[in-house]
Amino acid sequence: MARPVRAWIWPVVLGLAATLTWSAPATAGADAGAPRPAGLKETPAGLNGAHAGLKEVPAGLQEAPAGLKEAIDEILTDPRLAGGAASVVVADAAGGEVLHEHRPADRLLPASNTKLITSAAAMELLGPGYRFRTDVLTEGRQTGQVLDGDLYLRGGGDPTMLAKDYDALAKKIADTGVRQITGRLVADDTRFDAERLGRSWAADDESAYYAAQISPLSVAPDTDYDAGSLIVETRPGAAAGDRPTVTPVPGAGYVRVDNRATTAPRGAPTTLSVQRRHGGNTLTVTGAVPVGAAPVRQWISVWEPTGHAAAVFADALKRHGVHLAGPTRLGVPTPPGARPLAAHRSMPLKKLLVPFMKLSNNIHAEVLTKTLGYEAPASPGRGTWSAGLTAIRGFLEKEGVDTATLRQVDGSGLSRLNALPARQLTRLLVSVRDADWYPDWHASLPVACAPDRMVGGTLRTRMCDTPAARNAHAKTGSLTGASALSGYVKDARGRELAFSIVLGGYLAPSVKSVEDAIVVTLASSGRGRVAAVRPQAGAGGKGAADLECSWRKAPC
């Protein structure tokens, strides 16, 4: 049975709409004079932000919002945002009272804040215990050591399959006594459609591991579960001028290496680059690595992850003494009458959320989106972006999110066609708090200044030595000219606040410290008048923020 969803009423602090300081004329996206979305009601005079049916502001906290508008507006005057746009909403997480809004209805590029929507929909519609299956099946008959027929490897969407998992499946086949398979290895990836890349994903990201092709049958090279990619390890030669050693893993035989790199003198900088051209699996390695340097590891996507997974499994069968007579064939469905020989089940969804959300894994988001389509009662068996996004839209509407005010075209936020207002993200943050899966979902959000990579995630070096450290739980978002941070933080009185900050259209390399200043201001509020925390130039992340810091495979 679906959980009941509260009909949140979101009042606005009296007079706020008339006093907000806009960074553009009121006719350019302002709310003044525009009809308010259903469920949003003006605050009756004298209620100080509380509304009938919602929790009254507890005694002693009435002064908490004093100065909040001025503090946030002051932070948003940071020169790095000049000419850009900002949509900010702060609400009481328990009751839904809106404490401050700045251009709340403006639709901006949310980047990876889109994952808040996708992950919540997956937890609600698939369930926290949902697991993916990878199966090995056959229609053939075994006589002694010979299996007469084809062997089917059927993908169920698991983005956490490692080479060792395929090895375990191969061992189960060998343990049946089979040593010869007269047919082919058939890789069944028909659970999803053949559309591999998301709508309007950047062409120059195609070989990037964080924009890998989406298939229900893939292999990940690491326990970050970067499905659809491999790691290229380059070791320097013994002397300057020597050719380095380049090793792709897993499934080295699936790709071809064009090694143009060289070994540089000891102490020289590392300038290695790995590229894969569209439509193929030739990896071109250029640049230099100095004598005595540690091996350099670089991640890159493969062309056709289904074939990559099949190659890894075929190699594992060979190691276990199982010989395939025929070639590998891709994209053929498993016959209905095939009998199972081996199976692998993934970790439950609630555990997958940790690497997914902490490290902002795009492939997990897209696999879940297509899985939502496949499992949806309205479109059973349709593992497509369209069906998945339809399911997500239905979930949002049940949560009270006004889907007419937003556009979502993928699950991860990689597409620059996504458009979300901070108001709707905050509505979602408030609404899901009564779900039985909420504690696991909340725990998957990155935690400010928590040093463990699978706790702090993309926030582990941000807001340290502030009241927001180990306090703010929020999802980051980063693309060129777009940055977002949405989640929860407790103020100085212990009241939990839900917030969404979506920034766009700026030219600065990073505006992360602007987001941090707002969240630290919220964490510091609750005792007297709110004072703005000044954004620190160069703080809130290392270097440019055109990508999520975790995507660079370097400390955030």
Protein backbone atom coordinates (compact mmCIF):
# COMPACT_ATOMS: atom_id res chain seq x y z
CA MET A 1 0.00 0.00 0.00
CA ALA A 2 1.30 3.48 -0.86
CA ARG A 3 2.05 5.67 2.12
CA PRO A 4 -0.33 8.57 2.78
CA VAL A 5 1.18 11.89 1.78
CA ARG A 6 0.48 15.02 3.76
CA ALA A 7 -0.97 17.96 1.90
CA TRP A 8 1.60 20.56 2.89
CA ILE A 9 0.50 24.16 3.12
CA TRP A 10 3.36 26.55 2.58
CA PRO A 11 2.65 30.02 3.94
CA VAL A 12 5.01 32.85 3.25
CA VAL A 13 6.22 35.30 5.86
CA LEU A 14 3.90 38.30 5.79
CA GLY A 15 4.99 40.95 3.37
CA LEU A 16 7.83 38.90 1.92
CA ALA A 17 6.59 39.05 -1.66
CA ALA A 18 6.51 42.83 -1.46
CA THR A 19 9.97 43.24 0.08
CA LEU A 20 12.19 40.74 -1.71
CA THR A 21 15.16 42.30 -3.48
CA TRP A 22 15.19 41.03 -7.07
CA SER A 23 18.30 40.90 -9.25
CA ALA A 24 16.13 41.51 -12.36
CA PRO A 25 12.92 43.41 -13.09
CA ALA A 26 9.83 41.98 -11.43
CA THR A 27 8.43 41.01 -14.80
CA ALA A 28 11.39 38.67 -15.40
CA GLY A 29 10.36 35.64 -13.39
CA ALA A 30 9.22 37.41 -10.23
CA ASP A 31 6.22 36.12 -8.33
CA ALA A 32 4.58 39.49 -7.74
CA GLY A 33 1.13 39.47 -9.27
CA ALA A 34 1.48 35.92 -10.61
CA PRO A 35 -0.90 33.15 -9.52
CA ARG A 36 0.60 31.00 -6.78
CA PRO A 37 0.84 27.23 -7.28
CA ALA A 38 -1.76 25.09 -5.55
CA GLY A 39 -0.90 24.42 -1.92
CA LEU A 40 0.94 27.71 -1.41
CA LYS A 41 -1.10 30.18 0.61
CA GLU A 42 -0.37 33.64 1.86
CA THR A 43 0.12 33.96 5.61
CA PRO A 44 -2.80 35.58 7.41
CA ALA A 45 -1.85 38.79 9.19
CA GLY A 46 -0.43 38.30 12.67
CA LEU A 47 0.65 34.67 12.32
CA ASN A 48 4.38 35.41 11.92
CA GLY A 49 4.91 32.65 9.37
CA ALA A 50 2.72 30.03 11.08
CA HIS A 51 -0.50 28.85 9.48
CA ALA A 52 -3.53 26.97 10.66
CA GLY A 53 -2.87 23.24 10.24
CA LEU A 54 0.90 23.65 10.52
CA LYS A 55 3.00 23.81 13.63
CA GLU A 56 3.08 27.18 15.32
CA VAL A 57 6.56 28.62 15.76
CA PRO A 58 7.56 27.53 19.29
CA ALA A 59 7.86 30.20 21.95
CA GLY A 60 11.31 31.71 21.89
CA LEU A 61 11.86 31.04 18.20
CA GLN A 62 9.72 33.87 16.85
CA GLU A 63 12.84 36.02 16.53
CA ALA A 64 14.76 33.36 14.58
CA PRO A 65 13.73 34.63 11.12
CA ALA A 66 14.56 38.25 12.03
CA GLY A 67 17.23 39.42 9.65
CA LEU A 68 17.19 36.22 7.60
CA LYS A 69 16.00 37.92 4.43
CA GLU A 70 18.60 40.65 4.75
CA ALA A 71 21.37 38.14 5.50
CA ILE A 72 20.64 35.93 2.49
CA ASP A 73 20.13 38.90 0.19
CA GLU A 74 23.48 40.29 1.33
CA ILE A 75 25.22 36.99 0.55
CA LEU A 76 23.64 36.94 -2.89
CA THR A 77 25.28 40.29 -3.73
CA ASP A 78 28.59 38.44 -4.04
CA PRO A 79 30.28 39.80 -7.20
CA ARG A 80 30.77 36.29 -8.56
CA LEU A 81 27.01 36.15 -9.12
CA ALA A 82 26.92 39.44 -11.03
CA GLY A 83 24.77 38.97 -14.11
CA GLY A 84 23.71 35.51 -12.94
CA ALA A 85 20.59 34.21 -11.24
CA ALA A 86 19.72 32.71 -7.88
CA SER A 87 16.68 30.80 -6.62
CA VAL A 88 16.67 30.20 -2.86
CA VAL A 89 14.04 28.83 -0.48
CA VAL A 90 14.35 28.11 3.25
CA ALA A 91 11.55 26.35 5.15
CA ASP A 92 10.90 24.78 8.52
CA ALA A 93 11.44 21.09 7.73
CA ALA A 94 8.89 19.78 10.22
CA GLY A 95 5.97 22.07 9.40
CA GLY A 96 6.72 23.43 5.98
CA GLU A 97 6.53 27.13 6.89
CA VAL A 98 8.53 29.11 4.38
CA LEU A 99 11.00 31.31 6.25
CA HIS A 100 12.57 32.98 3.23
CA GLU A 101 12.22 32.94 -0.55
CA HIS A 102 14.39 34.63 -3.15
CA ARG A 103 13.05 34.21 -6.69
CA PRO A 104 11.59 30.83 -5.67
CA ALA A 105 9.82 30.12 -8.96
CA ASP A 106 12.75 30.81 -11.28
CA ARG A 107 13.63 27.71 -13.28
CA LEU A 108 17.38 27.16 -13.23
CA LEU A 109 19.71 24.31 -14.13
CA PRO A 110 19.80 22.02 -11.05
CA ALA A 111 22.72 19.84 -12.20
CA SER A 112 23.06 16.90 -9.79
CA ASN A 113 20.32 18.19 -7.49
CA THR A 114 18.15 16.29 -9.98
CA LYS A 115 19.35 13.16 -8.16
CA LEU A 116 17.27 14.17 -5.12
CA ILE A 117 14.16 13.61 -7.24
CA THR A 118 15.37 10.39 -8.88
CA SER A 119 16.60 8.78 -5.66
CA ALA A 120 13.45 9.65 -3.71
CA ALA A 121 11.24 8.29 -6.49
CA ALA A 122 13.27 5.08 -6.57
CA MET A 123 12.96 4.59 -2.80
CA GLU A 124 9.20 5.15 -2.92
CA LEU A 125 8.36 3.20 -6.08
CA LEU A 126 10.96 0.41 -6.06
CA GLY A 127 11.40 0.19 -2.29
CA PRO A 128 14.56 0.31 -0.15
CA GLY A 129 14.98 -3.46 -0.42
CA TYR A 130 14.94 -3.55 -4.24
CA ARG A 131 17.75 -5.63 -5.77
CA PHE A 132 18.95 -6.09 -9.32
CA ARG A 133 19.53 -9.58 -10.77
CA THR A 134 22.05 -10.81 -13.29
CA ASP A 135 21.27 -14.31 -14.58
CA VAL A 136 22.96 -17.02 -16.62
CA LEU A 137 20.51 -19.29 -18.44
CA THR A 138 20.33 -21.84 -21.23
CA GLU A 139 17.85 -23.78 -23.36
CA GLY A 140 20.49 -26.41 -24.04
CA ARG A 141 20.87 -29.88 -22.60
CA GLN A 142 23.94 -30.96 -20.69
CA THR A 143 25.44 -34.33 -21.48
CA GLY A 144 28.48 -35.01 -19.39
CA GLN A 145 30.82 -32.05 -19.80
CA VAL A 146 29.07 -30.71 -22.91
CA LEU A 147 26.26 -28.15 -22.89
CA ASP A 148 24.56 -28.33 -26.27
CA GLY A 149 23.17 -24.87 -26.98
CA ASP A 150 23.67 -21.18 -26.29
CA LEU A 151 24.52 -19.61 -22.93
CA TYR A 152 22.56 -16.46 -22.07
CA LEU A 153 23.88 -13.71 -19.84
CA ARG A 154 20.85 -11.61 -18.92
CA GLY A 155 21.31 -8.17 -17.43
CA GLY A 156 18.85 -6.82 -14.92
CA GLY A 157 20.32 -3.33 -14.66
CA ASP A 158 22.82 -3.90 -11.84
CA PRO A 159 25.36 -1.03 -11.93
CA THR A 160 27.46 -2.64 -9.18
CA MET A 161 28.60 -5.76 -11.07
CA LEU A 162 32.37 -6.19 -10.73
CA ALA A 163 34.74 -8.51 -12.58
CA LYS A 164 34.78 -10.75 -9.51
CA ASP A 165 30.99 -11.10 -9.70
CA TYR A 166 31.21 -12.31 -13.29
CA ASP A 167 33.97 -14.64 -12.18
CA ALA A 168 31.68 -16.07 -9.49
CA LEU A 169 28.98 -16.69 -12.11
CA ALA A 170 31.51 -18.44 -14.36
CA LYS A 171 32.63 -20.61 -11.45
CA LYS A 172 29.03 -21.70 -10.85
CA ILE A 173 28.81 -22.82 -14.48
CA ALA A 174 32.09 -24.72 -14.18
CA ASP A 175 30.90 -26.30 -10.93
CA THR A 176 28.07 -27.99 -12.88
CA GLY A 177 30.76 -29.94 -14.72
CA VAL A 178 30.36 -28.11 -18.04
CA ARG A 179 33.61 -27.74 -19.98
CA GLN A 180 32.31 -27.29 -23.53
CA ILE A 181 29.44 -25.11 -24.77
CA THR A 182 28.56 -25.86 -28.38
CA GLY A 183 26.73 -22.57 -28.98
CA ARG A 184 27.37 -18.90 -28.41
CA LEU A 185 27.46 -16.55 -25.46
CA VAL A 186 24.40 -14.33 -25.88
CA ALA A 187 24.34 -11.04 -23.96
CA ASP A 188 20.72 -10.11 -23.22
CA ASP A 189 20.46 -6.38 -22.54
CA THR A 190 16.85 -6.06 -23.65
CA ARG A 191 15.54 -4.99 -20.24
CA PHE A 192 16.36 -1.44 -21.36
CA ASP A 193 15.98 0.12 -24.77
CA ALA A 194 18.99 0.72 -27.02
CA GLU A 195 19.23 4.46 -26.29
CA ARG A 196 22.58 4.67 -24.54
CA LEU A 197 23.16 8.37 -23.90
CA GLY A 198 20.88 10.91 -22.27
CA ARG A 199 19.14 13.74 -24.01
CA SER A 200 21.43 16.69 -24.75
CA TRP A 201 24.42 15.24 -22.92
CA ALA A 202 27.55 17.10 -23.99
CA ALA A 203 29.30 15.45 -26.94
CA ASP A 204 32.72 16.23 -25.48
CA ASP A 205 31.79 14.20 -22.37
CA GLU A 206 31.15 11.00 -24.33
CA SER A 207 34.38 9.26 -23.31
CA ALA A 208 34.16 10.54 -19.72
CA TYR A 209 33.38 7.77 -17.26
CA TYR A 210 30.77 9.93 -15.51
CA ALA A 211 28.80 10.07 -18.78
CA ALA A 212 29.08 6.38 -19.69
CA GLN A 213 26.53 4.62 -21.86
CA ILE A 214 23.52 3.16 -20.06
CA SER A 215 22.98 -0.59 -20.36
CA PRO A 216 21.30 -3.13 -18.07
CA LEU A 217 24.39 -5.32 -18.53
CA SER A 218 27.66 -3.69 -17.56
CA VAL A 219 30.76 -4.05 -15.43
CA ALA A 220 32.27 -1.55 -13.00
CA PRO A 221 36.04 -1.29 -12.52
CA ASP A 222 35.92 -0.23 -8.86
CA THR A 223 33.81 -0.11 -5.71
CA ASP A 224 32.60 3.38 -6.57
CA TYR A 225 30.63 1.27 -9.07
CA ASP A 226 31.40 3.34 -12.15
CA ALA A 227 29.51 1.02 -14.48
CA GLY A 228 30.27 1.12 -18.19
CA SER A 229 33.86 2.22 -17.77
CA LEU A 230 37.34 0.90 -17.14
CA ILE A 231 40.52 2.12 -15.48
CA VAL A 232 43.63 2.76 -17.57
CA GLU A 233 46.75 2.30 -15.44
CA THR A 234 49.99 3.76 -16.82
CA ARG A 235 53.39 2.92 -15.32
CA PRO A 236 56.55 4.80 -16.30
CA GLY A 237 59.42 3.06 -18.06
CA ALA A 238 62.81 2.52 -16.43
CA ALA A 239 64.43 5.46 -18.22
CA ALA A 240 63.45 8.72 -19.86
CA GLY A 241 62.27 8.11 -23.40
CA ASP A 242 60.99 4.60 -22.67
CA ARG A 243 57.43 3.73 -23.60
CA PRO A 244 55.24 3.51 -20.45
CA THR A 245 53.25 0.35 -19.74
CA VAL A 246 49.51 0.86 -20.21
CA THR A 247 47.02 -1.63 -18.75
CA PRO A 248 43.22 -1.23 -19.01
CA VAL A 249 41.13 -3.14 -16.44
CA PRO A 250 38.84 -4.99 -16.42
CA GLY A 251 38.45 -6.67 -19.81
CA ALA A 252 41.67 -5.49 -21.43
CA GLY A 253 40.91 -7.56 -24.52
CA TYR A 254 37.76 -5.56 -25.23
CA VAL A 255 39.70 -2.39 -26.03
CA ARG A 256 42.73 -1.54 -28.16
CA VAL A 257 45.47 0.68 -26.73
CA ASP A 258 47.25 3.19 -28.97
CA ASN A 259 50.17 4.06 -26.68
CA ARG A 260 51.80 7.32 -27.79
CA ALA A 261 52.97 8.32 -24.32
CA THR A 262 56.55 8.58 -23.15
CA THR A 263 58.53 8.41 -19.93
CA ALA A 264 59.82 11.83 -18.85
CA PRO A 265 62.92 12.56 -16.71
CA ARG A 266 62.53 12.12 -12.97
CA GLY A 267 60.77 15.08 -11.37
CA ALA A 268 59.03 16.23 -14.55
CA PRO A 269 55.26 16.83 -14.41
CA THR A 270 52.75 14.14 -15.37
CA THR A 271 50.85 15.14 -18.51
CA LEU A 272 49.06 11.91 -19.41
CA SER A 273 45.78 11.94 -21.29
CA VAL A 274 43.51 9.07 -22.35
CA GLN A 275 40.90 9.58 -25.06
CA ARG A 276 38.39 7.33 -26.82
CA ARG A 277 36.91 8.43 -30.11
CA HIS A 278 33.20 8.14 -30.87
CA GLY A 279 32.06 4.75 -32.12
CA GLY A 280 35.01 2.63 -31.07
CA ASN A 281 37.15 1.24 -28.29
CA THR A 282 40.60 2.42 -29.26
CA LEU A 283 42.14 4.20 -26.28
CA THR A 284 44.76 6.76 -27.29
CA VAL A 285 47.26 7.50 -24.52
CA THR A 286 49.39 10.61 -24.92
CA GLY A 287 51.62 12.78 -22.76
CA ALA A 288 54.32 11.80 -20.31
CA VAL A 289 54.85 10.22 -16.90
CA PRO A 290 58.19 10.76 -15.12
CA VAL A 291 60.67 8.07 -14.11
CA GLY A 292 59.94 6.77 -10.61
CA ALA A 293 56.37 8.10 -10.51
CA ALA A 294 53.57 6.05 -9.02
CA PRO A 295 51.21 4.40 -11.51
CA VAL A 296 48.64 6.83 -12.90
CA ARG A 297 45.03 5.67 -12.96
CA GLN A 298 42.52 7.28 -15.29
CA TRP A 299 38.87 6.38 -15.84
CA ILE A 300 37.25 6.23 -19.26
CA SER A 301 33.94 4.95 -20.62
CA VAL A 302 33.70 2.10 -23.10
CA TRP A 303 31.75 1.95 -26.33
CA GLU A 304 28.95 -0.56 -25.82
CA PRO A 305 29.05 -1.66 -22.14
CA THR A 306 27.02 -4.79 -22.96
CA GLY A 307 29.92 -6.12 -25.05
CA HIS A 308 32.37 -5.16 -22.30
CA ALA A 309 30.44 -7.15 -19.68
CA ALA A 310 30.14 -10.12 -22.06
CA ALA A 311 33.89 -10.04 -22.71
CA VAL A 312 34.67 -10.03 -18.99
CA PHE A 313 32.31 -12.98 -18.43
CA ALA A 314 33.75 -14.90 -21.41
CA ASP A 315 37.26 -14.40 -20.02
CA ALA A 316 36.09 -15.71 -16.66
CA LEU A 317 34.55 -18.82 -18.27
CA LYS A 318 37.86 -19.50 -20.02
CA ARG A 319 39.81 -19.18 -16.75
CA HIS A 320 37.49 -21.74 -15.19
CA GLY A 321 38.01 -24.16 -18.04
CA VAL A 322 34.74 -23.60 -19.89
CA HIS A 323 35.17 -23.30 -23.67
CA LEU A 324 32.66 -21.49 -25.90
CA ALA A 325 32.52 -22.80 -29.48
CA GLY A 326 30.57 -19.90 -30.97
CA PRO A 327 31.06 -16.12 -31.04
CA THR A 328 29.44 -13.66 -28.65
CA ARG A 329 26.18 -12.10 -29.76
CA LEU A 330 24.69 -8.93 -28.22
CA GLY A 331 21.14 -7.67 -27.75
CA VAL A 332 19.13 -10.88 -28.13
CA PRO A 333 16.41 -11.65 -25.59
CA THR A 334 16.59 -14.81 -23.52
CA PRO A 335 13.98 -17.38 -24.64
CA PRO A 336 11.04 -17.64 -22.23
CA GLY A 337 11.71 -21.32 -21.55
CA ALA A 338 15.40 -20.97 -20.67
CA ARG A 339 16.41 -22.53 -17.36
CA PRO A 340 18.60 -20.69 -14.84
CA LEU A 341 22.13 -21.93 -14.17
CA ALA A 342 23.50 -19.13 -11.98
CA ALA A 343 22.41 -15.77 -10.62
CA HIS A 344 23.82 -12.75 -8.83
CA ARG A 345 21.78 -10.33 -6.73
CA SER A 346 22.91 -6.80 -6.01
CA MET A 347 23.01 -4.98 -2.71
CA PRO A 348 19.61 -3.51 -1.74
CA LEU A 349 18.74 -0.07 -3.06
CA LYS A 350 19.11 1.57 0.35
CA LYS A 351 22.80 0.58 0.35
CA LEU A 352 23.33 1.49 -3.29
CA LEU A 353 22.14 5.00 -2.41
CA VAL A 354 25.40 5.59 -0.51
CA PRO A 355 27.85 5.54 -3.45
CA PHE A 356 25.11 6.90 -5.70
CA MET A 357 24.37 10.04 -3.68
CA LYS A 358 27.62 10.58 -1.77
CA LEU A 359 29.68 10.46 -4.98
CA SER A 360 26.94 11.78 -7.29
CA ASN A 361 27.07 8.78 -9.62
CA ASN A 362 25.28 9.62 -12.87
CA ILE A 363 25.09 6.05 -14.15
CA HIS A 364 23.24 4.89 -11.05
CA ALA A 365 20.71 7.69 -11.56
CA GLU A 366 20.03 6.73 -15.16
CA VAL A 367 19.86 2.99 -14.45
CA LEU A 368 17.30 3.72 -11.74
CA THR A 369 15.31 5.95 -14.08
CA LYS A 370 15.04 3.25 -16.73
CA THR A 371 14.33 0.64 -14.04
CA LEU A 372 11.45 2.78 -12.77
CA GLY A 373 10.04 2.69 -16.29
CA TYR A 374 10.52 -1.07 -16.57
CA GLU A 375 8.86 -1.77 -13.21
CA ALA A 376 6.06 0.82 -13.47
CA PRO A 377 2.56 -0.72 -13.51
CA ALA A 378 1.57 1.79 -16.19
CA SER A 379 4.38 0.72 -18.54
CA PRO A 380 5.57 -2.77 -17.52
CA GLY A 381 8.64 -3.93 -19.38
CA ARG A 382 9.47 -0.52 -20.86
CA GLY A 383 12.97 0.27 -19.67
CA THR A 384 13.14 3.69 -21.29
CA TRP A 385 13.89 7.22 -20.16
CA SER A 386 10.41 8.28 -21.20
CA ALA A 387 8.66 5.63 -19.10
CA GLY A 388 10.95 6.22 -16.14
CA LEU A 389 10.47 9.98 -16.18
CA THR A 390 6.71 9.47 -16.37
CA ALA A 391 6.89 7.35 -13.22
CA ILE A 392 9.01 9.99 -11.49
CA ARG A 393 6.56 12.70 -12.49
CA GLY A 394 3.69 10.74 -10.96
CA PHE A 395 5.66 10.37 -7.73
CA LEU A 396 6.37 14.10 -7.58
CA GLU A 397 2.72 14.96 -8.08
CA LYS A 398 1.74 12.72 -5.18
CA GLU A 399 4.30 14.54 -3.04
CA GLY A 400 2.68 17.88 -3.82
CA VAL A 401 5.36 19.06 -6.24
CA ASP A 402 3.99 21.22 -9.04
CA THR A 403 5.39 19.39 -12.06
CA ALA A 404 3.99 22.02 -14.42
CA THR A 405 6.72 24.36 -13.18
CA LEU A 406 9.72 22.15 -13.94
CA ARG A 407 11.37 20.10 -16.67
CA GLN A 408 13.30 16.86 -16.09
CA VAL A 409 14.81 15.02 -19.07
CA ASP A 410 17.22 12.61 -17.34
CA GLY A 411 17.80 11.08 -13.93
CA SER A 412 21.22 12.47 -13.11
CA GLY A 413 21.14 16.14 -14.06
CA LEU A 414 23.82 15.88 -16.75
CA SER A 415 21.50 17.38 -19.34
CA ARG A 416 21.40 21.13 -19.62
CA LEU A 417 17.70 20.89 -20.54
CA ASN A 418 16.70 20.20 -16.93
CA ALA A 419 15.03 23.18 -15.25
CA LEU A 420 13.90 23.27 -11.62
CA PRO A 421 12.85 26.04 -9.23
CA ALA A 422 14.13 25.96 -5.64
CA ARG A 423 10.54 26.08 -4.39
CA GLN A 424 9.73 22.65 -5.81
CA LEU A 425 12.94 21.06 -4.55
CA THR A 426 12.18 22.37 -1.06
CA ARG A 427 8.63 21.05 -1.26
CA LEU A 428 10.04 17.62 -1.98
CA LEU A 429 12.50 17.85 0.93
CA VAL A 430 9.65 18.69 3.32
CA SER A 431 7.18 16.15 1.95
CA VAL A 432 9.36 13.02 2.07
CA ARG A 433 10.22 13.34 5.76
CA ASP A 434 7.28 11.12 6.76
CA ALA A 435 8.24 8.24 4.43
CA ASP A 436 9.36 5.01 6.08
CA TRP A 437 12.44 5.03 3.82
CA TYR A 438 13.39 8.60 4.72
CA PRO A 439 16.10 7.73 7.31
CA ASP A 440 18.06 5.71 4.72
CA TRP A 441 17.55 8.39 2.08
CA HIS A 442 18.63 11.17 4.43
CA ALA A 443 21.71 9.16 5.43
CA SER A 444 22.74 8.96 1.78
CA LEU A 445 23.12 12.74 1.49
CA PRO A 446 26.67 14.12 1.73
CA VAL A 447 27.54 15.50 5.18
CA ALA A 448 29.47 18.74 5.51
CA CYS A 449 33.07 18.26 6.68
CA ALA A 450 32.68 14.54 7.44
CA PRO A 451 36.11 13.23 6.36
CA ASP A 452 35.09 9.68 5.42
CA ARG A 453 34.50 9.62 1.67
CA MET A 454 31.35 7.52 2.00
CA VAL A 455 29.92 9.88 4.62
CA GLY A 456 31.02 13.35 3.60
CA GLY A 457 31.01 12.60 -0.11
CA THR A 458 31.06 15.78 -2.18
CA LEU A 459 30.73 17.93 0.98
CA ARG A 460 33.57 16.40 2.99
CA THR A 461 35.89 19.43 2.72
CA ARG A 462 33.18 22.10 2.84
CA MET A 463 31.91 24.21 5.75
CA CYS A 464 34.55 22.88 8.14
CA ASP A 465 35.03 24.77 11.42
CA THR A 466 31.53 26.22 11.18
CA PRO A 467 28.18 25.40 12.84
CA ALA A 468 27.23 23.58 9.62
CA ALA A 469 30.07 21.03 9.94
CA ARG A 470 28.69 17.50 10.53
CA ASN A 471 25.30 19.23 10.61
CA ALA A 472 24.33 20.01 7.02
CA HIS A 473 23.16 17.02 4.97
CA ALA A 474 22.71 18.11 1.37
CA LYS A 475 23.09 17.18 -2.28
CA THR A 476 25.54 19.13 -4.38
CA GLY A 477 25.22 19.96 -8.07
CA SER A 478 27.88 21.23 -10.47
CA LEU A 479 28.07 22.01 -14.18
CA THR A 480 29.71 24.88 -16.01
CA GLY A 481 27.83 28.01 -14.98
CA ALA A 482 25.43 26.07 -12.74
CA SER A 483 25.67 25.15 -9.07
CA ALA A 484 23.16 23.91 -6.52
CA LEU A 485 22.96 22.74 -2.93
CA SER A 486 19.74 21.44 -1.38
CA GLY A 487 19.09 19.55 1.84
CA TYR A 488 18.77 19.99 5.58
CA VAL A 489 20.57 21.81 8.40
CA LYS A 490 19.73 22.45 12.05
CA ASP A 491 19.86 25.97 13.43
CA ALA A 492 21.38 26.99 16.76
CA ARG A 493 18.18 26.00 18.59
CA GLY A 494 18.08 22.55 17.01
CA ARG A 495 15.23 23.29 14.62
CA GLU A 496 15.69 21.46 11.31
CA LEU A 497 15.49 23.61 8.21
CA ALA A 498 15.01 22.46 4.63
CA PHE A 499 16.70 24.59 2.00
CA SER A 500 17.36 24.74 -1.71
CA ILE A 501 19.94 27.00 -3.36
CA VAL A 502 20.11 26.95 -7.16
CA LEU A 503 22.56 29.32 -8.86
CA GLY A 504 23.15 29.83 -12.57
CA GLY A 505 24.36 32.06 -15.35
CA TYR A 506 27.55 33.16 -13.60
CA LEU A 507 31.01 33.29 -15.16
CA ALA A 508 33.13 32.64 -12.07
CA PRO A 509 34.94 29.27 -11.81
CA SER A 510 33.07 28.45 -8.61
CA VAL A 511 30.31 29.87 -6.41
CA LYS A 512 30.37 27.05 -3.88
CA SER A 513 31.36 29.37 -1.04
CA VAL A 514 28.22 31.43 -1.70
CA GLU A 515 26.13 28.32 -1.09
CA ASP A 516 28.21 27.50 1.98
CA ALA A 517 27.74 31.01 3.39
CA ILE A 518 23.96 30.67 3.16
CA VAL A 519 23.96 27.26 4.88
CA VAL A 520 26.37 28.39 7.61
CA THR A 521 24.15 31.44 8.15
CA LEU A 522 21.17 29.13 8.60
CA ALA A 523 23.11 26.90 11.01
CA SER A 524 24.12 29.98 13.02
CA SER A 525 20.58 31.38 13.18
CA GLY A 526 18.02 30.79 15.90
CA ARG A 527 19.39 33.03 18.63
CA GLY A 528 18.58 36.67 18.04
CA ARG A 529 18.92 38.52 14.78
CA VAL A 530 20.46 36.58 11.89
CA ALA A 531 23.82 37.86 10.67
CA ALA A 532 25.16 37.04 7.21
CA VAL A 533 28.28 34.91 6.90
CA ARG A 534 30.55 36.40 4.26
CA PRO A 535 31.42 34.02 1.38
CA GLN A 536 35.12 33.26 1.21
CA ALA A 537 36.77 33.59 -2.17
CA GLY A 538 38.31 30.28 -3.17
CA ALA A 539 36.59 28.35 -0.38
CA GLY A 540 33.95 25.68 -0.62
CA GLY A 541 35.75 23.18 -2.81
CA LYS A 542 39.06 22.88 -4.61
CA GLY A 543 39.52 24.56 -7.98
CA ALA A 544 36.89 25.13 -10.61
CA ALA A 545 33.46 23.66 -9.99
CA ASP A 546 32.33 22.86 -13.53
CA LEU A 547 32.11 19.20 -12.47
CA GLU A 548 31.21 17.46 -9.23
CA CYS A 549 34.48 17.17 -7.30
CA SER A 550 34.02 13.41 -6.95
CA TRP A 551 33.97 13.02 -10.75
CA ARG A 552 37.60 14.13 -10.88
CA LYS A 553 38.66 11.13 -8.74
CA ALA A 554 40.55 13.55 -6.52
CA PRO A 555 39.90 14.70 -2.93
CA CYS A 556 36.94 17.08 -2.81
